[in-house]
Amino acid sequence: NTIEFTGALHATIVKQVRLKNPSNNTLSYNAILLGRDAEDFSLPKGNTVTISPSRQGIVNVEFTIRFLHPAEAVLILISNKVDGVDGATLTFSLKSEVKNIEPLGMTKCRSPCYEL
């Protein structure tokens, strides 16, 4: 699965990864960010999520677009044993794309175009 972060240059984008627990046991996951641009992504609500039986859990992934080139990383969710039960390890590809560039500010100046 690929999670795409698209927006304007310097924009901060938050995406949610929704995890469902269909079992009758509690599941717990540790989230890890790896890859070339992993330091540009963050997990603002922490890197651990616990999901009660028959419930959902959410992992927030945040990214601020700082460069024009696409950023790439991988989100890995590794299960912790809770109640003697392990969940499956989950992986997501994270990619960014700049859709537009808006100026942070403008400066007006006057100068001659050419002088002999």
Protein backbone atom coordinates (compact mmCIF):
# COMPACT_ATOMS: atom_id res chain seq x y z
CA ASN A 1 0.00 0.00 0.00
CA THR A 2 1.20 3.51 -0.81
CA ILE A 3 0.31 6.63 1.15
CA GLU A 4 0.75 9.80 -0.90
CA PHE A 5 1.48 13.20 0.62
CA THR A 6 0.63 15.81 -2.00
CA GLY A 7 0.39 19.54 -1.52
CA ALA A 8 2.11 22.90 -1.80
CA LEU A 9 5.77 23.44 -1.04
CA HIS A 10 6.24 24.06 2.74
CA ALA A 11 2.80 22.60 3.55
CA THR A 12 2.43 20.17 6.44
CA ILE A 13 0.28 17.16 5.64
CA VAL A 14 -1.05 14.60 8.12
CA LYS A 15 -2.33 11.23 6.94
CA GLN A 16 -4.02 8.60 9.08
CA VAL A 17 -3.41 4.88 8.80
CA ARG A 18 -6.48 3.08 10.14
CA LEU A 19 -5.86 -0.37 11.59
CA LYS A 20 -8.75 -2.76 12.27
CA ASN A 21 -8.62 -5.54 14.83
CA PRO A 22 -11.19 -8.20 13.88
CA SER A 23 -9.92 -10.66 16.52
CA ASN A 24 -11.03 -11.19 20.11
CA ASN A 25 -7.59 -10.26 21.44
CA THR A 26 -5.87 -6.91 21.99
CA LEU A 27 -3.22 -6.03 19.40
CA SER A 28 -0.31 -3.64 19.85
CA TYR A 29 2.02 -2.26 17.17
CA ASN A 30 5.29 -0.31 17.16
CA ALA A 31 5.69 2.02 14.18
CA ILE A 32 9.09 2.57 12.56
CA LEU A 33 9.99 4.94 9.72
CA LEU A 34 12.84 3.80 7.44
CA GLY A 35 14.29 4.88 4.13
CA ARG A 36 16.06 7.67 2.27
CA ASP A 37 13.83 10.50 3.57
CA ALA A 38 12.54 8.90 6.78
CA GLU A 39 13.76 11.84 8.90
CA ASP A 40 11.32 14.14 7.07
CA PHE A 41 8.31 12.07 8.21
CA SER A 42 7.16 11.91 11.82
CA LEU A 43 4.68 10.15 14.08
CA PRO A 44 3.23 13.06 16.12
CA LYS A 45 1.09 10.87 18.40
CA GLY A 46 3.90 8.45 19.19
CA ASN A 47 5.11 5.24 17.67
CA THR A 48 2.91 2.80 19.60
CA VAL A 49 -0.75 1.97 18.99
CA THR A 50 -2.89 -0.49 20.95
CA ILE A 51 -6.10 -1.78 19.43
CA SER A 52 -8.82 -3.35 21.56
CA PRO A 53 -10.71 -6.41 20.28
CA SER A 54 -13.13 -5.63 17.41
CA ARG A 55 -12.02 -1.97 17.38
CA GLN A 56 -9.90 0.34 15.24
CA GLY A 57 -6.64 2.14 15.91
CA ILE A 58 -5.10 5.09 14.09
CA VAL A 59 -1.47 5.94 13.38
CA ASN A 60 -0.90 9.55 12.31
CA VAL A 61 1.97 10.23 9.90
CA GLU A 62 3.06 13.84 9.39
CA PHE A 63 5.18 15.28 6.60
CA THR A 64 6.28 18.82 5.76
CA ILE A 65 7.19 19.31 2.10
CA ARG A 66 10.59 21.03 2.23
CA PHE A 67 12.05 20.19 -1.19
CA LEU A 68 10.83 19.93 -4.78
CA HIS A 69 12.12 16.40 -5.23
CA PRO A 70 9.78 13.57 -4.17
CA ALA A 71 10.45 12.15 -0.70
CA GLU A 72 10.24 8.41 -0.06
CA ALA A 73 10.16 6.31 3.09
CA VAL A 74 8.58 3.16 4.48
CA LEU A 75 6.29 2.85 7.51
CA ILE A 76 6.64 -0.53 9.21
CA LEU A 77 4.19 -1.62 11.90
CA ILE A 78 5.61 -4.45 14.00
CA SER A 79 3.29 -6.34 16.32
CA ASN A 80 3.99 -6.69 20.05
CA LYS A 81 2.69 -9.76 21.84
CA VAL A 82 -0.36 -8.92 23.93
CA ASP A 83 -2.33 -11.72 25.58
CA GLY A 84 0.04 -14.16 23.83
CA VAL A 85 -1.17 -13.08 20.36
CA ASP A 86 0.95 -11.61 17.57
CA GLY A 87 -0.50 -9.56 14.73
CA ALA A 88 0.85 -9.47 11.20
CA THR A 89 3.69 -7.06 10.36
CA LEU A 90 2.37 -4.29 8.10
CA THR A 91 4.32 -2.10 5.66
CA PHE A 92 3.31 1.07 3.83
CA SER A 93 5.23 3.04 1.22
CA LEU A 94 5.25 6.82 1.88
CA LYS A 95 5.72 9.18 -1.08
CA SER A 96 5.42 12.93 -1.53
CA GLU A 97 4.70 15.14 -4.50
CA VAL A 98 4.72 18.94 -4.79
CA LYS A 99 1.52 20.07 -6.54
CA ASN A 100 2.12 23.82 -6.47
CA ILE A 101 4.49 26.47 -5.20
CA GLU A 102 3.22 29.51 -3.38
CA PRO A 103 5.62 32.32 -2.49
CA LEU A 104 6.37 32.88 1.18
CA GLY A 105 6.66 36.61 0.48
CA MET A 106 7.34 39.18 -2.22
CA THR A 107 9.85 41.99 -2.46
CA LYS A 108 9.55 44.92 -4.85
CA CYS A 109 12.65 46.72 -6.04
CA ARG A 110 13.60 49.19 -8.78
CA SER A 111 16.85 49.22 -10.62
CA PRO A 112 18.02 50.11 -14.12
CA CYS A 113 18.00 47.18 -16.49
CA TYR A 114 21.16 48.33 -18.32
CA GLU A 115 23.81 51.00 -17.99
CA LEU A 116 26.65 51.87 -20.34
